[in-house]
Amino acid sequence: MFAILVDLVIKKEFADQFRDTVIIQGTNSRAKEKGCLQFEVLQDPEAPNKFTLYEVYTDKATFYDVHRTTPHFAKYAETTGPWVESRNLRILTKIWPV
């Protein structure tokens, strides 16, 4: 399984909007993408403008060729892009539990 962690720092004035928008993105990914096995949104309680996304897909191609080409991802990326101060993507292989 293909997993990613995305650490995001959002401009403080957009933190609430980002939270709402990324929840919609996660909901769409889980409902509309057969290969999206998990999509979790985490927020730092000490710094509410810092988020981590934990996503699991059946394989690498599902993430790059399916997830990142969906209309809901395009809308999410376009909407939230100006709100992002920094983004760090970590690619992982989920080994347990499967």
PDB file of N, CA and C in Angstrom:
ATOM      1  N   MET A   1       0.829  -1.181   0.000  1.00  0.00           N
ATOM      2  CA  MET A   1       0.000   0.000   0.000  1.00  0.00           C
ATOM      3  C   MET A   1       0.872   1.243   0.000  1.00  0.00           C
ATOM      4  N   PHE A   2       0.361   2.273  -0.616  1.00  0.00           N
ATOM      5  CA  PHE A   2       1.069   3.532  -0.787  1.00  0.00           C
ATOM      6  C   PHE A   2       0.464   4.553   0.169  1.00  0.00           C
ATOM      7  N   ALA A   3       1.292   5.122   1.027  1.00  0.00           N
ATOM      8  CA  ALA A   3       0.807   6.090   2.011  1.00  0.00           C
ATOM      9  C   ALA A   3       1.600   7.381   1.896  1.00  0.00           C
ATOM     10  N   ILE A   4       0.939   8.469   2.234  1.00  0.00           N
ATOM     11  CA  ILE A   4       1.632   9.753   2.276  1.00  0.00           C
ATOM     12  C   ILE A   4       1.229  10.508   3.534  1.00  0.00           C
ATOM     13  N   LEU A   5       2.154  11.305   3.997  1.00  0.00           N
ATOM     14  CA  LEU A   5       1.889  12.307   5.022  1.00  0.00           C
ATOM     15  C   LEU A   5       2.184  13.653   4.385  1.00  0.00           C
ATOM     16  N   VAL A   6       1.246  14.558   4.508  1.00  0.00           N
ATOM     17  CA  VAL A   6       1.436  15.909   3.993  1.00  0.00           C
ATOM     18  C   VAL A   6       1.352  16.859   5.176  1.00  0.00           C
ATOM     19  N   ASP A   7       2.460  17.524   5.469  1.00  0.00           N
ATOM     20  CA  ASP A   7       2.488  18.530   6.533  1.00  0.00           C
ATOM     21  C   ASP A   7       2.308  19.892   5.888  1.00  0.00           C
ATOM     22  N   LEU A   8       1.308  20.635   6.373  1.00  0.00           N
ATOM     23  CA  LEU A   8       0.982  21.934   5.797  1.00  0.00           C
ATOM     24  C   LEU A   8       0.970  23.014   6.871  1.00  0.00           C
ATOM     25  N   VAL A   9       1.523  24.148   6.525  1.00  0.00           N
ATOM     26  CA  VAL A   9       1.367  25.348   7.336  1.00  0.00           C
ATOM     27  C   VAL A   9       0.527  26.298   6.498  1.00  0.00           C
ATOM     28  N   ILE A  10      -0.589  26.711   7.060  1.00  0.00           N
ATOM     29  CA  ILE A  10      -1.554  27.560   6.374  1.00  0.00           C
ATOM     30  C   ILE A  10      -1.455  28.977   6.933  1.00  0.00           C
ATOM     31  N   LYS A  11      -1.590  29.962   6.079  1.00  0.00           N
ATOM     32  CA  LYS A  11      -1.621  31.343   6.566  1.00  0.00           C
ATOM     33  C   LYS A  11      -2.722  31.445   7.611  1.00  0.00           C
ATOM     34  N   LYS A  12      -2.398  32.044   8.740  1.00  0.00           N
ATOM     35  CA  LYS A  12      -3.303  32.035   9.895  1.00  0.00           C
ATOM     36  C   LYS A  12      -4.716  32.514   9.581  1.00  0.00           C
ATOM     37  N   GLU A  13      -4.843  33.492   8.718  1.00  0.00           N
ATOM     38  CA  GLU A  13      -6.174  34.036   8.429  1.00  0.00           C
ATOM     39  C   GLU A  13      -7.034  33.071   7.602  1.00  0.00           C
ATOM     40  N   PHE A  14      -6.428  32.003   7.075  1.00  0.00           N
ATOM     41  CA  PHE A  14      -7.171  31.035   6.270  1.00  0.00           C
ATOM     42  C   PHE A  14      -7.330  29.672   6.952  1.00  0.00           C
ATOM     43  N   ALA A  15      -6.885  29.539   8.192  1.00  0.00           N
ATOM     44  CA  ALA A  15      -6.891  28.229   8.861  1.00  0.00           C
ATOM     45  C   ALA A  15      -8.292  27.620   8.934  1.00  0.00           C
ATOM     46  N   ASP A  16      -9.292  28.400   9.306  1.00  0.00           N
ATOM     47  CA  ASP A  16     -10.653  27.864   9.412  1.00  0.00           C
ATOM     48  C   ASP A  16     -11.202  27.467   8.045  1.00  0.00           C
ATOM     49  N   GLN A  17     -10.966  28.302   7.051  1.00  0.00           N
ATOM     50  CA  GLN A  17     -11.423  27.986   5.694  1.00  0.00           C
ATOM     51  C   GLN A  17     -10.727  26.732   5.166  1.00  0.00           C
ATOM     52  N   PHE A  18      -9.425  26.629   5.439  1.00  0.00           N
ATOM     53  CA  PHE A  18      -8.691  25.451   4.996  1.00  0.00           C
ATOM     54  C   PHE A  18      -9.250  24.198   5.658  1.00  0.00           C
ATOM     55  N   ARG A  19      -9.494  24.269   6.942  1.00  0.00           N
ATOM     56  CA  ARG A  19     -10.035  23.116   7.672  1.00  0.00           C
ATOM     57  C   ARG A  19     -11.319  22.621   7.006  1.00  0.00           C
ATOM     58  N   ASP A  20     -12.227  23.517   6.740  1.00  0.00           N
ATOM     59  CA  ASP A  20     -13.493  23.136   6.103  1.00  0.00           C
ATOM     60  C   ASP A  20     -13.274  22.556   4.703  1.00  0.00           C
ATOM     61  N   THR A  21     -12.382  23.168   3.945  1.00  0.00           N
ATOM     62  CA  THR A  21     -12.135  22.753   2.566  1.00  0.00           C
ATOM     63  C   THR A  21     -11.422  21.401   2.500  1.00  0.00           C
ATOM     64  N   VAL A  22     -10.464  21.180   3.372  1.00  0.00           N
ATOM     65  CA  VAL A  22      -9.729  19.909   3.335  1.00  0.00           C
ATOM     66  C   VAL A  22     -10.611  18.759   3.820  1.00  0.00           C
ATOM     67  N   ILE A  23     -11.553  19.027   4.697  1.00  0.00           N
ATOM     68  CA  ILE A  23     -12.503  17.985   5.111  1.00  0.00           C
ATOM     69  C   ILE A  23     -13.383  17.589   3.926  1.00  0.00           C
ATOM     70  N   ILE A  24     -13.803  18.562   3.146  1.00  0.00           N
ATOM     71  CA  ILE A  24     -14.578  18.257   1.933  1.00  0.00           C
ATOM     72  C   ILE A  24     -13.719  17.437   0.973  1.00  0.00           C
ATOM     73  N   GLN A  25     -12.458  17.806   0.815  1.00  0.00           N
ATOM     74  CA  GLN A  25     -11.544  17.070  -0.058  1.00  0.00           C
ATOM     75  C   GLN A  25     -11.405  15.624   0.410  1.00  0.00           C
ATOM     76  N   GLY A  26     -11.220  15.423   1.692  1.00  0.00           N
ATOM     77  CA  GLY A  26     -11.096  14.069   2.220  1.00  0.00           C
ATOM     78  C   GLY A  26     -12.369  13.255   2.029  1.00  0.00           C
ATOM     79  N   THR A  27     -13.495  13.887   2.268  1.00  0.00           N
ATOM     80  CA  THR A  27     -14.787  13.226   2.078  1.00  0.00           C
ATOM     81  C   THR A  27     -14.962  12.801   0.620  1.00  0.00           C
ATOM     82  N   ASN A  28     -14.650  13.696  -0.304  1.00  0.00           N
ATOM     83  CA  ASN A  28     -14.752  13.370  -1.729  1.00  0.00           C
ATOM     84  C   ASN A  28     -13.791  12.258  -2.128  1.00  0.00           C
ATOM     85  N   SER A  29     -12.576  12.323  -1.636  1.00  0.00           N
ATOM     86  CA  SER A  29     -11.589  11.301  -1.980  1.00  0.00           C
ATOM     87  C   SER A  29     -12.050   9.924  -1.521  1.00  0.00           C
ATOM     88  N   ARG A  30     -12.523   9.839  -0.296  1.00  0.00           N
ATOM     89  CA  ARG A  30     -12.956   8.544   0.233  1.00  0.00           C
ATOM     90  C   ARG A  30     -14.215   8.037  -0.475  1.00  0.00           C
ATOM     91  N   ALA A  31     -15.118   8.929  -0.824  1.00  0.00           N
ATOM     92  CA  ALA A  31     -16.389   8.513  -1.433  1.00  0.00           C
ATOM     93  C   ALA A  31     -16.273   8.235  -2.933  1.00  0.00           C
ATOM     94  N   LYS A  32     -15.414   8.968  -3.617  1.00  0.00           N
ATOM     95  CA  LYS A  32     -15.396   8.914  -5.079  1.00  0.00           C
ATOM     96  C   LYS A  32     -14.209   8.174  -5.678  1.00  0.00           C
ATOM     97  N   GLU A  33     -13.228   7.832  -4.869  1.00  0.00           N
ATOM     98  CA  GLU A  33     -12.022   7.177  -5.386  1.00  0.00           C
ATOM     99  C   GLU A  33     -11.910   5.777  -4.793  1.00  0.00           C
ATOM    100  N   LYS A  34     -12.150   4.799  -5.631  1.00  0.00           N
ATOM    101  CA  LYS A  34     -12.111   3.411  -5.179  1.00  0.00           C
ATOM    102  C   LYS A  34     -10.773   3.054  -4.512  1.00  0.00           C
ATOM    103  N   GLY A  35      -9.678   3.578  -5.027  1.00  0.00           N
ATOM    104  CA  GLY A  35      -8.357   3.252  -4.506  1.00  0.00           C
ATOM    105  C   GLY A  35      -7.906   4.059  -3.306  1.00  0.00           C
ATOM    106  N   CYS A  36      -8.726   5.004  -2.851  1.00  0.00           N
ATOM    107  CA  CYS A  36      -8.398   5.775  -1.647  1.00  0.00           C
ATOM    108  C   CYS A  36      -8.913   4.993  -0.446  1.00  0.00           C
ATOM    109  N   LEU A  37      -8.002   4.425   0.317  1.00  0.00           N
ATOM    110  CA  LEU A  37      -8.365   3.563   1.443  1.00  0.00           C
ATOM    111  C   LEU A  37      -8.486   4.328   2.753  1.00  0.00           C
ATOM    112  N   GLN A  38      -7.797   5.446   2.850  1.00  0.00           N
ATOM    113  CA  GLN A  38      -7.814   6.222   4.087  1.00  0.00           C
ATOM    114  C   GLN A  38      -7.446   7.660   3.773  1.00  0.00           C
ATOM    115  N   PHE A  39      -8.115   8.585   4.444  1.00  0.00           N
ATOM    116  CA  PHE A  39      -7.805  10.010   4.297  1.00  0.00           C
ATOM    117  C   PHE A  39      -8.146  10.648   5.637  1.00  0.00           C
ATOM    118  N   GLU A  40      -7.126  11.020   6.378  1.00  0.00           N
ATOM    119  CA  GLU A  40      -7.324  11.613   7.698  1.00  0.00           C
ATOM    120  C   GLU A  40      -6.743  13.013   7.724  1.00  0.00           C
ATOM    121  N   VAL A  41      -7.441  13.897   8.409  1.00  0.00           N
ATOM    122  CA  VAL A  41      -7.016  15.281   8.558  1.00  0.00           C
ATOM    123  C   VAL A  41      -6.723  15.513  10.032  1.00  0.00           C
ATOM    124  N   LEU A  42      -5.509  15.962  10.323  1.00  0.00           N
ATOM    125  CA  LEU A  42      -5.096  16.237  11.696  1.00  0.00           C
ATOM    126  C   LEU A  42      -4.702  17.706  11.811  1.00  0.00           C
ATOM    127  N   GLN A  43      -4.974  18.284  12.980  1.00  0.00           N
ATOM    128  CA  GLN A  43      -4.668  19.700  13.209  1.00  0.00           C
ATOM    129  C   GLN A  43      -3.907  19.813  14.516  1.00  0.00           C
ATOM    130  N   ASP A  44      -2.886  20.625  14.527  1.00  0.00           N
ATOM    131  CA  ASP A  44      -2.062  20.837  15.717  1.00  0.00           C
ATOM    132  C   ASP A  44      -2.835  21.700  16.713  1.00  0.00           C
ATOM    133  N   PRO A  45      -3.120  21.202  17.916  1.00  0.00           N
ATOM    134  CA  PRO A  45      -3.888  21.991  18.877  1.00  0.00           C
ATOM    135  C   PRO A  45      -3.134  23.219  19.394  1.00  0.00           C
ATOM    136  N   GLU A  46      -1.811  23.193  19.313  1.00  0.00           N
ATOM    137  CA  GLU A  46      -0.997  24.320  19.774  1.00  0.00           C
ATOM    138  C   GLU A  46      -0.795  25.373  18.678  1.00  0.00           C
ATOM    139  N   ALA A  47      -0.961  24.963  17.440  1.00  0.00           N
ATOM    140  CA  ALA A  47      -0.785  25.865  16.297  1.00  0.00           C
ATOM    141  C   ALA A  47      -1.867  25.502  15.275  1.00  0.00           C
ATOM    142  N   PRO A  48      -3.060  26.075  15.415  1.00  0.00           N
ATOM    143  CA  PRO A  48      -4.194  25.672  14.591  1.00  0.00           C
ATOM    144  C   PRO A  48      -4.051  25.938  13.097  1.00  0.00           C
ATOM    145  N   ASN A  49      -2.971  26.530  12.676  1.00  0.00           N
ATOM    146  CA  ASN A  49      -2.732  26.722  11.244  1.00  0.00           C
ATOM    147  C   ASN A  49      -1.802  25.638  10.680  1.00  0.00           C
ATOM    148  N   LYS A  50      -1.484  24.626  11.504  1.00  0.00           N
ATOM    149  CA  LYS A  50      -0.644  23.504  11.048  1.00  0.00           C
ATOM    150  C   LYS A  50      -1.500  22.244  10.962  1.00  0.00           C
ATOM    151  N   PHE A  51      -1.438  21.608   9.797  1.00  0.00           N
ATOM    152  CA  PHE A  51      -2.245  20.423   9.515  1.00  0.00           C
ATOM    153  C   PHE A  51      -1.349  19.306   8.998  1.00  0.00           C
ATOM    154  N   THR A  52      -1.786  18.094   9.221  1.00  0.00           N
ATOM    155  CA  THR A  52      -1.157  16.926   8.626  1.00  0.00           C
ATOM    156  C   THR A  52      -2.249  16.077   8.009  1.00  0.00           C
ATOM    157  N   LEU A  53      -2.024  15.664   6.774  1.00  0.00           N
ATOM    158  CA  LEU A  53      -2.939  14.757   6.098  1.00  0.00           C
ATOM    159  C   LEU A  53      -2.264  13.392   6.052  1.00  0.00           C
ATOM    160  N   TYR A  54      -3.017  12.360   6.390  1.00  0.00           N
ATOM    161  CA  TYR A  54      -2.539  10.984   6.286  1.00  0.00           C
ATOM    162  C   TYR A  54      -3.445  10.278   5.295  1.00  0.00           C
ATOM    163  N   GLU A  55      -2.851   9.855   4.180  1.00  0.00           N
ATOM    164  CA  GLU A  55      -3.634   9.258   3.106  1.00  0.00           C
ATOM    165  C   GLU A  55      -3.030   7.912   2.718  1.00  0.00           C
ATOM    166  N   VAL A  56      -3.911   6.947   2.447  1.00  0.00           N
ATOM    167  CA  VAL A  56      -3.462   5.628   2.009  1.00  0.00           C
ATOM    168  C   VAL A  56      -4.217   5.258   0.741  1.00  0.00           C
ATOM    169  N   TYR A  57      -3.468   4.786  -0.242  1.00  0.00           N
ATOM    170  CA  TYR A  57      -4.013   4.381  -1.530  1.00  0.00           C
ATOM    171  C   TYR A  57      -3.553   2.960  -1.845  1.00  0.00           C
ATOM    172  N   THR A  58      -4.259   2.317  -2.743  1.00  0.00           N
ATOM    173  CA  THR A  58      -3.898   0.948  -3.090  1.00  0.00           C
ATOM    174  C   THR A  58      -2.482   0.853  -3.639  1.00  0.00           C
ATOM    175  N   ASP A  59      -2.055   1.869  -4.388  1.00  0.00           N
ATOM    176  CA  ASP A  59      -0.706   1.874  -4.947  1.00  0.00           C
ATOM    177  C   ASP A  59      -0.336   3.298  -5.383  1.00  0.00           C
ATOM    178  N   LYS A  60       0.896   3.447  -5.800  1.00  0.00           N
ATOM    179  CA  LYS A  60       1.428   4.751  -6.208  1.00  0.00           C
ATOM    180  C   LYS A  60       0.641   5.340  -7.383  1.00  0.00           C
ATOM    181  N   ALA A  61       0.314   4.501  -8.363  1.00  0.00           N
ATOM    182  CA  ALA A  61      -0.418   4.982  -9.543  1.00  0.00           C
ATOM    183  C   ALA A  61      -1.788   5.536  -9.165  1.00  0.00           C
ATOM    184  N   THR A  62      -2.435   4.921  -8.198  1.00  0.00           N
ATOM    185  CA  THR A  62      -3.744   5.407  -7.765  1.00  0.00           C
ATOM    186  C   THR A  62      -3.628   6.828  -7.220  1.00  0.00           C
ATOM    187  N   PHE A  63      -2.566   7.092  -6.488  1.00  0.00           N
ATOM    188  CA  PHE A  63      -2.373   8.446  -5.956  1.00  0.00           C
ATOM    189  C   PHE A  63      -2.091   9.440  -7.077  1.00  0.00           C
ATOM    190  N   TYR A  64      -1.109   9.136  -7.917  1.00  0.00           N
ATOM    191  CA  TYR A  64      -0.690  10.099  -8.931  1.00  0.00           C
ATOM    192  C   TYR A  64      -1.623  10.159 -10.141  1.00  0.00           C
ATOM    193  N   ASP A  65      -2.069   9.013 -10.619  1.00  0.00           N
ATOM    194  CA  ASP A  65      -2.830   8.975 -11.867  1.00  0.00           C
ATOM    195  C   ASP A  65      -4.341   9.099 -11.675  1.00  0.00           C
ATOM    196  N   VAL A  66      -4.824   8.803 -10.493  1.00  0.00           N
ATOM    197  CA  VAL A  66      -6.263   8.905 -10.227  1.00  0.00           C
ATOM    198  C   VAL A  66      -6.537  10.090  -9.304  1.00  0.00           C
ATOM    199  N   HIS A  67      -6.097   9.988  -8.054  1.00  0.00           N
ATOM    200  CA  HIS A  67      -6.408  11.011  -7.049  1.00  0.00           C
ATOM    201  C   HIS A  67      -6.055  12.420  -7.518  1.00  0.00           C
ATOM    202  N   ARG A  68      -4.839  12.598  -7.982  1.00  0.00           N
ATOM    203  CA  ARG A  68      -4.377  13.945  -8.331  1.00  0.00           C
ATOM    204  C   ARG A  68      -4.932  14.467  -9.646  1.00  0.00           C
ATOM    205  N   THR A  69      -5.724  13.663 -10.351  1.00  0.00           N
ATOM    206  CA  THR A  69      -6.324  14.121 -11.609  1.00  0.00           C
ATOM    207  C   THR A  69      -7.842  14.275 -11.510  1.00  0.00           C
ATOM    208  N   THR A  70      -8.399  14.095 -10.324  1.00  0.00           N
ATOM    209  CA  THR A  70      -9.846  14.213 -10.165  1.00  0.00           C
ATOM    210  C   THR A  70     -10.272  15.686 -10.157  1.00  0.00           C
ATOM    211  N   PRO A  71     -11.509  15.964 -10.563  1.00  0.00           N
ATOM    212  CA  PRO A  71     -12.015  17.337 -10.498  1.00  0.00           C
ATOM    213  C   PRO A  71     -12.038  17.882  -9.071  1.00  0.00           C
ATOM    214  N   HIS A  72     -12.355  17.039  -8.084  1.00  0.00           N
ATOM    215  CA  HIS A  72     -12.396  17.555  -6.709  1.00  0.00           C
ATOM    216  C   HIS A  72     -10.994  17.908  -6.201  1.00  0.00           C
ATOM    217  N   PHE A  73      -9.962  17.168  -6.637  1.00  0.00           N
ATOM    218  CA  PHE A  73      -8.596  17.547  -6.245  1.00  0.00           C
ATOM    219  C   PHE A  73      -8.201  18.857  -6.913  1.00  0.00           C
ATOM    220  N   ALA A  74      -8.546  19.017  -8.187  1.00  0.00           N
ATOM    221  CA  ALA A  74      -8.219  20.261  -8.895  1.00  0.00           C
ATOM    222  C   ALA A  74      -8.849  21.460  -8.204  1.00  0.00           C
ATOM    223  N   LYS A  75     -10.105  21.314  -7.800  1.00  0.00           N
ATOM    224  CA  LYS A  75     -10.795  22.408  -7.109  1.00  0.00           C
ATOM    225  C   LYS A  75     -10.138  22.696  -5.762  1.00  0.00           C
ATOM    226  N   TYR A  76      -9.816  21.648  -5.012  1.00  0.00           N
ATOM    227  CA  TYR A  76      -9.141  21.803  -3.720  1.00  0.00           C
ATOM    228  C   TYR A  76      -7.804  22.518  -3.900  1.00  0.00           C
ATOM    229  N   ALA A  77      -6.990  22.071  -4.847  1.00  0.00           N
ATOM    230  CA  ALA A  77      -5.667  22.658  -5.067  1.00  0.00           C
ATOM    231  C   ALA A  77      -5.757  24.118  -5.476  1.00  0.00           C
ATOM    232  N   GLU A  78      -6.697  24.418  -6.351  1.00  0.00           N
ATOM    233  CA  GLU A  78      -6.867  25.801  -6.804  1.00  0.00           C
ATOM    234  C   GLU A  78      -7.334  26.702  -5.665  1.00  0.00           C
ATOM    235  N   THR A  79      -8.268  26.199  -4.877  1.00  0.00           N
ATOM    236  CA  THR A  79      -8.826  26.994  -3.778  1.00  0.00           C
ATOM    237  C   THR A  79      -7.798  27.234  -2.675  1.00  0.00           C
ATOM    238  N   THR A  80      -7.102  26.183  -2.271  1.00  0.00           N
ATOM    239  CA  THR A  80      -6.232  26.278  -1.090  1.00  0.00           C
ATOM    240  C   THR A  80      -4.812  26.728  -1.406  1.00  0.00           C
ATOM    241  N   GLY A  81      -4.410  26.630  -2.661  1.00  0.00           N
ATOM    242  CA  GLY A  81      -3.037  26.999  -3.026  1.00  0.00           C
ATOM    243  C   GLY A  81      -2.566  28.333  -2.461  1.00  0.00           C
ATOM    244  N   PRO A  82      -3.341  29.412  -2.608  1.00  0.00           N
ATOM    245  CA  PRO A  82      -2.907  30.710  -2.089  1.00  0.00           C
ATOM    246  C   PRO A  82      -2.851  30.782  -0.552  1.00  0.00           C
ATOM    247  N   TRP A  83      -3.479  29.834   0.117  1.00  0.00           N
ATOM    248  CA  TRP A  83      -3.506  29.848   1.587  1.00  0.00           C
ATOM    249  C   TRP A  83      -2.293  29.162   2.208  1.00  0.00           C
ATOM    250  N   VAL A  84      -1.536  28.416   1.415  1.00  0.00           N
ATOM    251  CA  VAL A  84      -0.462  27.567   1.937  1.00  0.00           C
ATOM    252  C   VAL A  84       0.835  28.353   2.070  1.00  0.00           C
ATOM    253  N   GLU A  85       1.398  28.324   3.284  1.00  0.00           N
ATOM    254  CA  GLU A  85       2.731  28.898   3.519  1.00  0.00           C
ATOM    255  C   GLU A  85       3.807  27.885   3.166  1.00  0.00           C
ATOM    256  N   SER A  86       3.601  26.626   3.591  1.00  0.00           N
ATOM    257  CA  SER A  86       4.562  25.572   3.271  1.00  0.00           C
ATOM    258  C   SER A  86       3.853  24.228   3.217  1.00  0.00           C
ATOM    259  N   ARG A  87       4.455  23.330   2.442  1.00  0.00           N
ATOM    260  CA  ARG A  87       3.913  21.981   2.270  1.00  0.00           C
ATOM    261  C   ARG A  87       5.092  21.021   2.195  1.00  0.00           C
ATOM    262  N   ASN A  88       5.008  19.932   2.940  1.00  0.00           N
ATOM    263  CA  ASN A  88       6.027  18.888   2.892  1.00  0.00           C
ATOM    264  C   ASN A  88       5.327  17.551   2.711  1.00  0.00           C
ATOM    265  N   LEU A  89       5.659  16.859   1.635  1.00  0.00           N
ATOM    266  CA  LEU A  89       5.054  15.573   1.315  1.00  0.00           C
ATOM    267  C   LEU A  89       6.057  14.463   1.619  1.00  0.00           C
ATOM    268  N   ARG A  90       5.615  13.495   2.422  1.00  0.00           N
ATOM    269  CA  ARG A  90       6.453  12.337   2.729  1.00  0.00           C
ATOM    270  C   ARG A  90       5.765  11.088   2.196  1.00  0.00           C
ATOM    271  N   ILE A  91       6.466  10.364   1.353  1.00  0.00           N
ATOM    272  CA  ILE A  91       5.926   9.145   0.769  1.00  0.00           C
ATOM    273  C   ILE A  91       6.374   7.964   1.617  1.00  0.00           C
ATOM    274  N   LEU A  92       5.414   7.096   1.930  1.00  0.00           N
ATOM    275  CA  LEU A  92       5.677   5.950   2.810  1.00  0.00           C
ATOM    276  C   LEU A  92       5.049   4.692   2.226  1.00  0.00           C
ATOM    277  N   THR A  93       5.515   3.556   2.700  1.00  0.00           N
ATOM    278  CA  THR A  93       4.887   2.289   2.359  1.00  0.00           C
ATOM    279  C   THR A  93       4.251   1.747   3.624  1.00  0.00           C
ATOM    280  N   LYS A  94       2.943   1.527   3.578  1.00  0.00           N
ATOM    281  CA  LYS A  94       2.238   0.982   4.730  1.00  0.00           C
ATOM    282  C   LYS A  94       2.513  -0.518   4.775  1.00  0.00           C
ATOM    283  N   ILE A  95       3.064  -0.982   5.907  1.00  0.00           N
ATOM    284  CA  ILE A  95       3.394  -2.395   6.020  1.00  0.00           C
ATOM    285  C   ILE A  95       2.511  -3.135   7.028  1.00  0.00           C
ATOM    286  N   TRP A  96       1.936  -2.396   7.977  1.00  0.00           N
ATOM    287  CA  TRP A  96       1.051  -3.039   8.954  1.00  0.00           C
ATOM    288  C   TRP A  96       0.158  -1.998   9.600  1.00  0.00           C
ATOM    289  N   PRO A  97      -1.077  -2.239   9.871  1.00  0.00           N
ATOM    290  CA  PRO A  97      -1.828  -3.396   9.398  1.00  0.00           C
ATOM    291  C   PRO A  97      -2.223  -3.189   7.941  1.00  0.00           C
ATOM    292  N   VAL A  98      -2.445  -4.273   7.273  1.00  0.00           N
ATOM    293  CA  VAL A  98      -2.844  -4.201   5.861  1.00  0.00           C
ATOM    294  C   VAL A  98      -4.291  -4.622   5.716  1.00  0.00           C
TER     295      VAL A  98
END
